[in-house]
């Protein structure tokens, strides 16, 4: 196990993302590390890694991985197609993600959770702009709640209370989340007319919605 960790560290250090990583690492590591620790410190997996490799080293690797993931270029995702997995709509009906479609227009998939404050801030910002986005680009927003069996019953009332006008689903078993390699929330994927992933981003800061809309408009203009 130790050899695997060291191999990961060598791979991370050899990547071309060093400059971007250094810039964002100092500004994000305290928040990410503290949030991860306090939310997952009771996890058996987390306890094992903290014990074997030390909390600082484990959280350092986590922060580096998250930082690198948030800088994935759009070209890297163009060969990826959304995998098929079963999720539930708010009525409890099983829907396969292979049926997601928007008549050749862009689709924006967002993974979120009711306990995730940045997720709620992001989706609220999107909802305030959604009518404008649909009118100009025809984009459809699909939300995927990652709440598990303990908190999944809260999802529908939560969404209704927020009046989010999206297409909403619950990934209670985490099948779709795992298939999409999503480890943190919020995490968003932008799909083109063929259902291919052309852009992805994790985390949220005020103003990110403006950058996102630019990506959507570029995708529509490229048709």
C-alpha atoms as a PDB file:
ATOM      1  CA  UNK A   1       0.000   0.000   0.000  1.00  0.00           C
ATOM      2  CA  UNK A   2       2.821   2.390   0.879  1.00  0.00           C
ATOM      3  CA  UNK A   3       4.450   1.733  -2.515  1.00  0.00           C
ATOM      4  CA  UNK A   4       1.161   2.623  -4.244  1.00  0.00           C
ATOM      5  CA  UNK A   5       0.898   5.897  -2.346  1.00  0.00           C
ATOM      6  CA  UNK A   6       4.473   6.807  -3.254  1.00  0.00           C
ATOM      7  CA  UNK A   7       3.762   5.980  -6.900  1.00  0.00           C
ATOM      8  CA  UNK A   8       0.734   8.306  -6.852  1.00  0.00           C
ATOM      9  CA  UNK A   9       2.873  11.063  -5.377  1.00  0.00           C
ATOM     10  CA  UNK A  10       5.478  10.646  -8.134  1.00  0.00           C
ATOM     11  CA  UNK A  11       2.787  10.721 -10.816  1.00  0.00           C
ATOM     12  CA  UNK A  12       1.245  13.855  -9.352  1.00  0.00           C
ATOM     13  CA  UNK A  13       4.598  15.616  -9.175  1.00  0.00           C
ATOM     14  CA  UNK A  14       5.356  14.873 -12.829  1.00  0.00           C
ATOM     15  CA  UNK A  15       2.161  16.375 -14.248  1.00  0.00           C
ATOM     16  CA  UNK A  16       2.004  19.572 -16.230  1.00  0.00           C
ATOM     17  CA  UNK A  17      -0.532  21.064 -13.862  1.00  0.00           C
ATOM     18  CA  UNK A  18       2.129  22.155 -11.352  1.00  0.00           C
ATOM     19  CA  UNK A  19       1.737  25.869 -11.872  1.00  0.00           C
ATOM     20  CA  UNK A  20      -2.061  25.844 -11.587  1.00  0.00           C
ATOM     21  CA  UNK A  21      -1.831  23.469  -8.647  1.00  0.00           C
ATOM     22  CA  UNK A  22       0.467  25.788  -6.714  1.00  0.00           C
ATOM     23  CA  UNK A  23      -1.803  28.771  -7.341  1.00  0.00           C
ATOM     24  CA  UNK A  24      -4.987  27.155  -6.082  1.00  0.00           C
ATOM     25  CA  UNK A  25      -3.531  24.813  -3.491  1.00  0.00           C
ATOM     26  CA  UNK A  26      -2.802  27.416  -0.839  1.00  0.00           C
ATOM     27  CA  UNK A  27      -6.221  29.042  -1.200  1.00  0.00           C
ATOM     28  CA  UNK A  28      -8.220  25.811  -1.069  1.00  0.00           C
ATOM     29  CA  UNK A  29      -6.345  23.310   1.049  1.00  0.00           C
ATOM     30  CA  UNK A  30      -7.512  24.539   4.451  1.00  0.00           C
ATOM     31  CA  UNK A  31     -11.182  24.522   3.479  1.00  0.00           C
ATOM     32  CA  UNK A  32     -11.106  21.209   1.630  1.00  0.00           C
ATOM     33  CA  UNK A  33      -9.012  19.413   4.214  1.00  0.00           C
ATOM     34  CA  UNK A  34     -11.003  20.590   7.195  1.00  0.00           C
ATOM     35  CA  UNK A  35     -14.335  19.890   5.493  1.00  0.00           C
ATOM     36  CA  UNK A  36     -13.237  16.383   4.475  1.00  0.00           C
ATOM     37  CA  UNK A  37     -11.878  15.580   7.913  1.00  0.00           C
ATOM     38  CA  UNK A  38     -14.923  16.691   9.871  1.00  0.00           C
ATOM     39  CA  UNK A  39     -17.386  15.051   7.460  1.00  0.00           C
ATOM     40  CA  UNK A  40     -15.513  11.763   7.044  1.00  0.00           C
ATOM     41  CA  UNK A  41     -13.438  11.309  10.192  1.00  0.00           C
ATOM     42  CA  UNK A  42     -15.761   8.490  11.348  1.00  0.00           C
ATOM     43  CA  UNK A  43     -15.342   6.570   8.072  1.00  0.00           C
ATOM     44  CA  UNK A  44     -13.414   3.311   8.460  1.00  0.00           C
ATOM     45  CA  UNK A  45     -11.506   3.982   5.253  1.00  0.00           C
ATOM     46  CA  UNK A  46     -10.559   7.488   6.412  1.00  0.00           C
ATOM     47  CA  UNK A  47      -9.474   6.180   9.813  1.00  0.00           C
ATOM     48  CA  UNK A  48      -7.296   3.548   8.151  1.00  0.00           C
ATOM     49  CA  UNK A  49      -5.507   6.047   5.928  1.00  0.00           C
ATOM     50  CA  UNK A  50      -5.110   8.570   8.748  1.00  0.00           C
ATOM     51  CA  UNK A  51      -3.585   5.848  10.933  1.00  0.00           C
ATOM     52  CA  UNK A  52      -1.285   4.303   8.301  1.00  0.00           C
ATOM     53  CA  UNK A  53      -0.057   7.424   6.494  1.00  0.00           C
ATOM     54  CA  UNK A  54      -0.834  10.279   8.867  1.00  0.00           C
ATOM     55  CA  UNK A  55      -3.607  12.854   8.587  1.00  0.00           C
ATOM     56  CA  UNK A  56      -1.447  15.539   6.988  1.00  0.00           C
ATOM     57  CA  UNK A  57      -0.127  13.293   4.249  1.00  0.00           C
ATOM     58  CA  UNK A  58      -3.529  11.772   3.480  1.00  0.00           C
ATOM     59  CA  UNK A  59      -5.235  15.162   3.285  1.00  0.00           C
ATOM     60  CA  UNK A  60      -2.393  16.565   1.206  1.00  0.00           C
ATOM     61  CA  UNK A  61      -2.898  13.859  -1.414  1.00  0.00           C
ATOM     62  CA  UNK A  62      -6.649  14.454  -1.330  1.00  0.00           C
ATOM     63  CA  UNK A  63      -6.230  18.191  -1.890  1.00  0.00           C
ATOM     64  CA  UNK A  64      -3.796  17.634  -4.750  1.00  0.00           C
ATOM     65  CA  UNK A  65      -6.127  15.175  -6.448  1.00  0.00           C
ATOM     66  CA  UNK A  66      -9.125  17.504  -6.137  1.00  0.00           C
ATOM     67  CA  UNK A  67      -7.148  20.460  -7.421  1.00  0.00           C
ATOM     68  CA  UNK A  68      -5.911  18.574 -10.469  1.00  0.00           C
ATOM     69  CA  UNK A  69      -9.406  17.250 -11.222  1.00  0.00           C
ATOM     70  CA  UNK A  70     -10.866  20.750 -11.314  1.00  0.00           C
ATOM     71  CA  UNK A  71      -8.452  21.717 -14.106  1.00  0.00           C
ATOM     72  CA  UNK A  72      -9.304  18.985 -16.586  1.00  0.00           C
ATOM     73  CA  UNK A  73      -9.290  20.484 -20.094  1.00  0.00           C
ATOM     74  CA  UNK A  74     -12.393  20.209 -22.244  1.00  0.00           C
ATOM     75  CA  UNK A  75     -10.532  18.260 -24.949  1.00  0.00           C
ATOM     76  CA  UNK A  76      -9.770  15.498 -22.472  1.00  0.00           C
ATOM     77  CA  UNK A  77     -13.452  14.692 -22.058  1.00  0.00           C
ATOM     78  CA  UNK A  78     -14.587  14.705 -25.675  1.00  0.00           C
ATOM     79  CA  UNK A  79     -14.191  10.935 -26.014  1.00  0.00           C
ATOM     80  CA  UNK A  80     -16.260  10.246 -22.905  1.00  0.00           C
ATOM     81  CA  UNK A  81     -19.919   9.336 -23.110  1.00  0.00           C
ATOM     82  CA  UNK A  82     -22.237   9.289 -20.121  1.00  0.00           C
ATOM     83  CA  UNK A  83     -22.445   5.691 -18.839  1.00  0.00           C
ATOM     84  CA  UNK A  84     -25.721   3.900 -18.262  1.00  0.00           C
ATOM     85  CA  UNK A  85     -26.897   3.550 -14.663  1.00  0.00           C
ATOM     86  CA  UNK A  86     -30.201   3.465 -12.827  1.00  0.00           C
ATOM     87  CA  UNK A  87     -31.368   6.461 -10.798  1.00  0.00           C
ATOM     88  CA  UNK A  88     -34.746   7.440  -9.358  1.00  0.00           C
ATOM     89  CA  UNK A  89     -36.922  10.429 -10.144  1.00  0.00           C
ATOM     90  CA  UNK A  90     -38.656  12.289  -7.339  1.00  0.00           C
ATOM     91  CA  UNK A  91     -41.633   9.938  -7.615  1.00  0.00           C
ATOM     92  CA  UNK A  92     -39.408   6.955  -6.869  1.00  0.00           C
ATOM     93  CA  UNK A  93     -39.525   5.605 -10.426  1.00  0.00           C
ATOM     94  CA  UNK A  94     -36.356   4.003 -11.793  1.00  0.00           C
ATOM     95  CA  UNK A  95     -34.871   5.805 -14.791  1.00  0.00           C
ATOM     96  CA  UNK A  96     -31.801   4.762 -16.764  1.00  0.00           C
ATOM     97  CA  UNK A  97     -29.350   7.546 -17.492  1.00  0.00           C
ATOM     98  CA  UNK A  98     -29.023   6.301 -21.083  1.00  0.00           C
ATOM     99  CA  UNK A  99     -32.446   7.885 -21.690  1.00  0.00           C
ATOM    100  CA  UNK A 100     -31.211  11.406 -20.884  1.00  0.00           C
ATOM    101  CA  UNK A 101     -31.740  13.547 -23.986  1.00  0.00           C
ATOM    102  CA  UNK A 102     -32.487  17.107 -25.051  1.00  0.00           C
ATOM    103  CA  UNK A 103     -33.283  16.948 -28.778  1.00  0.00           C
ATOM    104  CA  UNK A 104     -29.732  17.714 -29.850  1.00  0.00           C
ATOM    105  CA  UNK A 105     -29.234  20.589 -27.418  1.00  0.00           C
ATOM    106  CA  UNK A 106     -26.723  20.771 -24.539  1.00  0.00           C
ATOM    107  CA  UNK A 107     -27.283  18.964 -21.255  1.00  0.00           C
ATOM    108  CA  UNK A 108     -25.736  20.045 -17.969  1.00  0.00           C
ATOM    109  CA  UNK A 109     -25.509  17.310 -15.305  1.00  0.00           C
ATOM    110  CA  UNK A 110     -24.824  18.358 -11.734  1.00  0.00           C
ATOM    111  CA  UNK A 111     -24.042  16.079  -8.784  1.00  0.00           C
ATOM    112  CA  UNK A 112     -25.062  17.592  -5.452  1.00  0.00           C
ATOM    113  CA  UNK A 113     -26.341  16.736  -1.969  1.00  0.00           C
ATOM    114  CA  UNK A 114     -28.743  18.321   0.514  1.00  0.00           C
ATOM    115  CA  UNK A 115     -25.938  18.638   3.098  1.00  0.00           C
ATOM    116  CA  UNK A 116     -23.559  20.392   0.664  1.00  0.00           C
ATOM    117  CA  UNK A 117     -23.699  24.193   1.057  1.00  0.00           C
ATOM    118  CA  UNK A 118     -21.666  25.005  -2.098  1.00  0.00           C
ATOM    119  CA  UNK A 119     -23.997  22.709  -4.060  1.00  0.00           C
ATOM    120  CA  UNK A 120     -27.060  24.593  -2.849  1.00  0.00           C
ATOM    121  CA  UNK A 121     -25.470  27.953  -3.622  1.00  0.00           C
ATOM    122  CA  UNK A 122     -24.560  26.812  -7.129  1.00  0.00           C
ATOM    123  CA  UNK A 123     -27.961  25.341  -7.996  1.00  0.00           C
ATOM    124  CA  UNK A 124     -29.742  28.386  -6.592  1.00  0.00           C
ATOM    125  CA  UNK A 125     -27.600  30.625  -8.808  1.00  0.00           C
ATOM    126  CA  UNK A 126     -28.352  28.428 -11.808  1.00  0.00           C
ATOM    127  CA  UNK A 127     -32.064  28.436 -11.092  1.00  0.00           C
ATOM    128  CA  UNK A 128     -32.140  32.231 -11.045  1.00  0.00           C
ATOM    129  CA  UNK A 129     -30.617  32.267 -14.536  1.00  0.00           C
ATOM    130  CA  UNK A 130     -32.209  29.136 -15.970  1.00  0.00           C
ATOM    131  CA  UNK A 131     -34.978  30.801 -17.971  1.00  0.00           C
ATOM    132  CA  UNK A 132     -32.434  33.048 -19.674  1.00  0.00           C
ATOM    133  CA  UNK A 133     -30.082  30.126 -20.345  1.00  0.00           C
ATOM    134  CA  UNK A 134     -32.861  27.995 -21.862  1.00  0.00           C
ATOM    135  CA  UNK A 135     -34.084  30.831 -24.057  1.00  0.00           C
ATOM    136  CA  UNK A 136     -30.621  31.563 -25.459  1.00  0.00           C
ATOM    137  CA  UNK A 137     -29.121  28.065 -25.715  1.00  0.00           C
ATOM    138  CA  UNK A 138     -31.847  25.497 -25.053  1.00  0.00           C
ATOM    139  CA  UNK A 139     -29.705  23.847 -22.373  1.00  0.00           C
ATOM    140  CA  UNK A 140     -31.317  21.333 -20.022  1.00  0.00           C
ATOM    141  CA  UNK A 141     -30.087  21.026 -16.445  1.00  0.00           C
ATOM    142  CA  UNK A 142     -30.263  17.589 -14.824  1.00  0.00           C
ATOM    143  CA  UNK A 143     -29.488  17.338 -11.123  1.00  0.00           C
ATOM    144  CA  UNK A 144     -28.320  14.108  -9.506  1.00  0.00           C
ATOM    145  CA  UNK A 145     -28.643  13.985  -5.732  1.00  0.00           C
ATOM    146  CA  UNK A 146     -25.953  11.851  -4.113  1.00  0.00           C
ATOM    147  CA  UNK A 147     -27.853  11.590  -0.830  1.00  0.00           C
ATOM    148  CA  UNK A 148     -27.813   8.034   0.484  1.00  0.00           C
ATOM    149  CA  UNK A 149     -30.665   6.043   2.059  1.00  0.00           C
ATOM    150  CA  UNK A 150     -30.462   8.081   5.267  1.00  0.00           C
ATOM    151  CA  UNK A 151     -31.053  11.487   3.658  1.00  0.00           C
ATOM    152  CA  UNK A 152     -32.655  10.578   0.299  1.00  0.00           C
ATOM    153  CA  UNK A 153     -36.209  11.085   1.673  1.00  0.00           C
ATOM    154  CA  UNK A 154     -35.326  14.751   2.242  1.00  0.00           C
ATOM    155  CA  UNK A 155     -34.441  15.406  -1.400  1.00  0.00           C
ATOM    156  CA  UNK A 156     -37.907  15.883  -2.931  1.00  0.00           C
ATOM    157  CA  UNK A 157     -39.203  18.208  -0.171  1.00  0.00           C
ATOM    158  CA  UNK A 158     -35.919  20.108  -0.299  1.00  0.00           C
ATOM    159  CA  UNK A 159     -36.132  20.661  -4.069  1.00  0.00           C
ATOM    160  CA  UNK A 160     -39.803  21.610  -3.891  1.00  0.00           C
ATOM    161  CA  UNK A 161     -39.010  24.108  -1.162  1.00  0.00           C
ATOM    162  CA  UNK A 162     -36.281  25.675  -3.288  1.00  0.00           C
ATOM    163  CA  UNK A 163     -38.530  25.604  -6.385  1.00  0.00           C
ATOM    164  CA  UNK A 164     -35.694  24.444  -8.584  1.00  0.00           C
ATOM    165  CA  UNK A 165     -36.994  24.103 -12.122  1.00  0.00           C
ATOM    166  CA  UNK A 166     -34.629  21.310 -13.174  1.00  0.00           C
ATOM    167  CA  UNK A 167     -34.953  17.657 -14.146  1.00  0.00           C
ATOM    168  CA  UNK A 168     -34.131  16.025 -10.808  1.00  0.00           C
ATOM    169  CA  UNK A 169     -32.990  12.528  -9.908  1.00  0.00           C
ATOM    170  CA  UNK A 170     -31.623  10.667  -6.875  1.00  0.00           C
ATOM    171  CA  UNK A 171     -28.575   8.372  -7.062  1.00  0.00           C
ATOM    172  CA  UNK A 172     -29.271   6.734  -3.727  1.00  0.00           C
ATOM    173  CA  UNK A 173     -26.999   3.726  -4.279  1.00  0.00           C
ATOM    174  CA  UNK A 174     -24.208   5.807  -5.829  1.00  0.00           C
ATOM    175  CA  UNK A 175     -24.133   3.736  -9.039  1.00  0.00           C
ATOM    176  CA  UNK A 176     -24.156   6.715 -11.400  1.00  0.00           C
ATOM    177  CA  UNK A 177     -21.740   8.678  -9.228  1.00  0.00           C
ATOM    178  CA  UNK A 178     -19.216   5.835  -9.328  1.00  0.00           C
ATOM    179  CA  UNK A 179     -19.686   5.328 -13.064  1.00  0.00           C
ATOM    180  CA  UNK A 180     -18.894   9.024 -13.601  1.00  0.00           C
ATOM    181  CA  UNK A 181     -15.920   8.922 -11.198  1.00  0.00           C
ATOM    182  CA  UNK A 182     -17.424  11.632  -9.016  1.00  0.00           C
ATOM    183  CA  UNK A 183     -15.815  11.818  -5.578  1.00  0.00           C
ATOM    184  CA  UNK A 184     -16.824  15.307  -4.437  1.00  0.00           C
ATOM    185  CA  UNK A 185     -19.787  17.628  -4.732  1.00  0.00           C
ATOM    186  CA  UNK A 186     -20.675  19.815  -6.480  1.00  0.00           C
ATOM    187  CA  UNK A 187     -19.467  18.274  -9.730  1.00  0.00           C
ATOM    188  CA  UNK A 188     -20.794  19.277 -13.143  1.00  0.00           C
ATOM    189  CA  UNK A 189     -20.587  17.839 -16.643  1.00  0.00           C
ATOM    190  CA  UNK A 190     -21.548  19.576 -19.886  1.00  0.00           C
ATOM    191  CA  UNK A 191     -22.725  17.284 -22.689  1.00  0.00           C
ATOM    192  CA  UNK A 192     -22.915  18.072 -26.401  1.00  0.00           C
ATOM    193  CA  UNK A 193     -25.671  17.047 -28.819  1.00  0.00           C
ATOM    194  CA  UNK A 194     -24.234  13.525 -29.044  1.00  0.00           C
ATOM    195  CA  UNK A 195     -24.168  13.034 -25.304  1.00  0.00           C
ATOM    196  CA  UNK A 196     -20.384  13.381 -25.092  1.00  0.00           C
ATOM    197  CA  UNK A 197     -18.747  15.124 -22.142  1.00  0.00           C
ATOM    198  CA  UNK A 198     -17.020  18.272 -23.412  1.00  0.00           C
ATOM    199  CA  UNK A 199     -16.486  20.129 -20.143  1.00  0.00           C
ATOM    200  CA  UNK A 200     -16.409  19.299 -16.441  1.00  0.00           C
ATOM    201  CA  UNK A 201     -15.822  21.175 -13.223  1.00  0.00           C
ATOM    202  CA  UNK A 202     -15.959  20.590  -9.487  1.00  0.00           C
ATOM    203  CA  UNK A 203     -16.418  22.999  -6.552  1.00  0.00           C
ATOM    204  CA  UNK A 204     -18.230  26.337  -6.663  1.00  0.00           C
ATOM    205  CA  UNK A 205     -17.411  30.003  -6.139  1.00  0.00           C
ATOM    206  CA  UNK A 206     -19.695  32.994  -6.825  1.00  0.00           C
ATOM    207  CA  UNK A 207     -19.363  33.961 -10.472  1.00  0.00           C
ATOM    208  CA  UNK A 208     -18.680  30.417 -11.716  1.00  0.00           C
ATOM    209  CA  UNK A 209     -22.124  30.405 -13.317  1.00  0.00           C
ATOM    210  CA  UNK A 210     -21.015  33.165 -15.701  1.00  0.00           C
ATOM    211  CA  UNK A 211     -17.993  31.139 -16.832  1.00  0.00           C
ATOM    212  CA  UNK A 212     -20.219  28.102 -17.231  1.00  0.00           C
ATOM    213  CA  UNK A 213     -22.697  29.973 -19.420  1.00  0.00           C
ATOM    214  CA  UNK A 214     -19.835  31.056 -21.677  1.00  0.00           C
ATOM    215  CA  UNK A 215     -18.937  27.380 -22.118  1.00  0.00           C
ATOM    216  CA  UNK A 216     -22.557  26.558 -22.984  1.00  0.00           C
ATOM    217  CA  UNK A 217     -22.736  29.352 -25.543  1.00  0.00           C
ATOM    218  CA  UNK A 218     -19.455  28.253 -27.129  1.00  0.00           C
ATOM    219  CA  UNK A 219     -20.812  24.723 -27.415  1.00  0.00           C
ATOM    220  CA  UNK A 220     -24.006  25.922 -29.111  1.00  0.00           C
ATOM    221  CA  UNK A 221     -22.082  28.228 -31.459  1.00  0.00           C
ATOM    222  CA  UNK A 222     -19.789  25.361 -32.512  1.00  0.00           C
ATOM    223  CA  UNK A 223     -22.603  23.375 -34.098  1.00  0.00           C
END
